[in-house]
Amino acid sequence: MSIFPLEIIFNILAGLIFFVYWGVTFITLYHLTRFGIGVQPKKFAAALLLGSVILSGTAIILFMNINISSFIPQ
């Protein structure tokens, strides 16, 4: 028996991927709204934010329904 079960490692990896994704999304949104000239970059930023929230919500719901132990060969 290892110190860190595979489920914990998989959950930490998924959390890090979400953290990096939202970091990149935040940087993109910040630069579009702060340095965008006119209304078009701000509309694109709003669409990007809405899409990111929907994508992350869907991924979290689907991730919660996965049985990680079924991927481990016995």
C-alpha atoms as a PDB file:
ATOM      1  CA  MET A   1       0.000   0.000   0.000  1.00  0.00           C
ATOM      2  CA  SER A   2       1.509   3.295  -1.040  1.00  0.00           C
ATOM      3  CA  ILE A   3       1.388   6.504   0.979  1.00  0.00           C
ATOM      4  CA  PHE A   4      -0.698   8.300  -1.667  1.00  0.00           C
ATOM      5  CA  PRO A   5      -3.399   6.187  -3.293  1.00  0.00           C
ATOM      6  CA  LEU A   6      -3.896   6.620  -7.006  1.00  0.00           C
ATOM      7  CA  GLU A   7      -7.268   8.315  -6.440  1.00  0.00           C
ATOM      8  CA  ILE A   8      -5.672  11.140  -4.436  1.00  0.00           C
ATOM      9  CA  ILE A   9      -2.942  11.649  -7.038  1.00  0.00           C
ATOM     10  CA  PHE A  10      -5.558  11.741  -9.821  1.00  0.00           C
ATOM     11  CA  ASN A  11      -7.669  14.283  -7.898  1.00  0.00           C
ATOM     12  CA  ILE A  12      -4.657  16.512  -7.230  1.00  0.00           C
ATOM     13  CA  LEU A  13      -3.686  16.365 -10.903  1.00  0.00           C
ATOM     14  CA  ALA A  14      -7.231  17.283 -11.984  1.00  0.00           C
ATOM     15  CA  GLY A  15      -7.251  20.180  -9.498  1.00  0.00           C
ATOM     16  CA  LEU A  16      -3.942  21.477 -10.852  1.00  0.00           C
ATOM     17  CA  ILE A  17      -5.249  21.308 -14.410  1.00  0.00           C
ATOM     18  CA  PHE A  18      -8.320  23.350 -13.398  1.00  0.00           C
ATOM     19  CA  PHE A  19      -6.108  25.861 -11.576  1.00  0.00           C
ATOM     20  CA  VAL A  20      -3.869  26.352 -14.609  1.00  0.00           C
ATOM     21  CA  TYR A  21      -6.891  26.606 -16.937  1.00  0.00           C
ATOM     22  CA  TRP A  22      -8.538  29.302 -14.807  1.00  0.00           C
ATOM     23  CA  GLY A  23      -5.212  31.136 -14.442  1.00  0.00           C
ATOM     24  CA  VAL A  24      -4.803  31.334 -18.210  1.00  0.00           C
ATOM     25  CA  THR A  25      -8.467  32.315 -18.608  1.00  0.00           C
ATOM     26  CA  PHE A  26      -8.121  35.083 -16.028  1.00  0.00           C
ATOM     27  CA  ILE A  27      -5.009  36.481 -17.714  1.00  0.00           C
ATOM     28  CA  THR A  28      -6.743  36.431 -21.108  1.00  0.00           C
ATOM     29  CA  LEU A  29      -9.895  38.080 -19.749  1.00  0.00           C
ATOM     30  CA  TYR A  30      -7.878  40.726 -17.922  1.00  0.00           C
ATOM     31  CA  HIS A  31      -5.898  41.693 -20.979  1.00  0.00           C
ATOM     32  CA  LEU A  32      -8.942  41.736 -23.255  1.00  0.00           C
ATOM     33  CA  THR A  33     -10.917  44.010 -20.932  1.00  0.00           C
ATOM     34  CA  ARG A  34      -8.023  46.206 -19.822  1.00  0.00           C
ATOM     35  CA  PHE A  35      -6.159  46.751 -23.072  1.00  0.00           C
ATOM     36  CA  GLY A  36      -8.880  46.087 -25.655  1.00  0.00           C
ATOM     37  CA  ILE A  37      -9.799  49.126 -27.716  1.00  0.00           C
ATOM     38  CA  GLY A  38     -13.498  49.467 -28.400  1.00  0.00           C
ATOM     39  CA  VAL A  39     -16.411  47.221 -27.526  1.00  0.00           C
ATOM     40  CA  GLN A  40     -15.514  44.130 -29.556  1.00  0.00           C
ATOM     41  CA  PRO A  41     -12.764  42.761 -27.244  1.00  0.00           C
ATOM     42  CA  LYS A  42     -15.075  43.208 -24.252  1.00  0.00           C
ATOM     43  CA  LYS A  43     -17.841  41.256 -25.985  1.00  0.00           C
ATOM     44  CA  PHE A  44     -15.336  38.519 -26.792  1.00  0.00           C
ATOM     45  CA  ALA A  45     -14.195  38.497 -23.148  1.00  0.00           C
ATOM     46  CA  ALA A  46     -17.796  38.096 -21.953  1.00  0.00           C
ATOM     47  CA  ALA A  47     -18.326  35.187 -24.362  1.00  0.00           C
ATOM     48  CA  LEU A  48     -15.057  33.610 -23.214  1.00  0.00           C
ATOM     49  CA  LEU A  49     -16.087  33.929 -19.572  1.00  0.00           C
ATOM     50  CA  LEU A  50     -19.502  32.379 -20.182  1.00  0.00           C
ATOM     51  CA  GLY A  51     -17.987  29.521 -22.178  1.00  0.00           C
ATOM     52  CA  SER A  52     -15.342  28.890 -19.530  1.00  0.00           C
ATOM     53  CA  VAL A  53     -17.912  28.758 -16.737  1.00  0.00           C
ATOM     54  CA  ILE A  54     -20.089  26.326 -18.700  1.00  0.00           C
ATOM     55  CA  LEU A  55     -17.094  24.164 -19.674  1.00  0.00           C
ATOM     56  CA  SER A  56     -15.726  24.047 -16.123  1.00  0.00           C
ATOM     57  CA  GLY A  57     -19.126  23.310 -14.612  1.00  0.00           C
ATOM     58  CA  THR A  58     -19.694  20.458 -17.040  1.00  0.00           C
ATOM     59  CA  ALA A  59     -16.211  19.044 -16.439  1.00  0.00           C
ATOM     60  CA  ILE A  60     -16.643  19.168 -12.659  1.00  0.00           C
ATOM     61  CA  ILE A  61     -20.040  17.457 -12.805  1.00  0.00           C
ATOM     62  CA  LEU A  62     -18.688  14.739 -15.094  1.00  0.00           C
ATOM     63  CA  PHE A  63     -15.544  14.317 -12.962  1.00  0.00           C
ATOM     64  CA  MET A  64     -17.641  13.798  -9.832  1.00  0.00           C
ATOM     65  CA  ASN A  65     -19.481  10.910 -11.542  1.00  0.00           C
ATOM     66  CA  ILE A  66     -16.308   9.009 -12.509  1.00  0.00           C
ATOM     67  CA  ASN A  67     -15.375   5.929 -10.519  1.00  0.00           C
ATOM     68  CA  ILE A  68     -11.583   6.242 -10.478  1.00  0.00           C
ATOM     69  CA  SER A  69     -11.021   2.809  -8.969  1.00  0.00           C
ATOM     70  CA  SER A  70     -12.540   1.179 -12.079  1.00  0.00           C
ATOM     71  CA  PHE A  71      -9.517   2.374 -14.093  1.00  0.00           C
ATOM     72  CA  ILE A  72      -7.075   0.503 -11.852  1.00  0.00           C
ATOM     73  CA  PRO A  73      -6.419  -3.057 -13.015  1.00  0.00           C
ATOM     74  CA  GLN A  74      -6.883  -5.615 -10.254  1.00  0.00           C
END
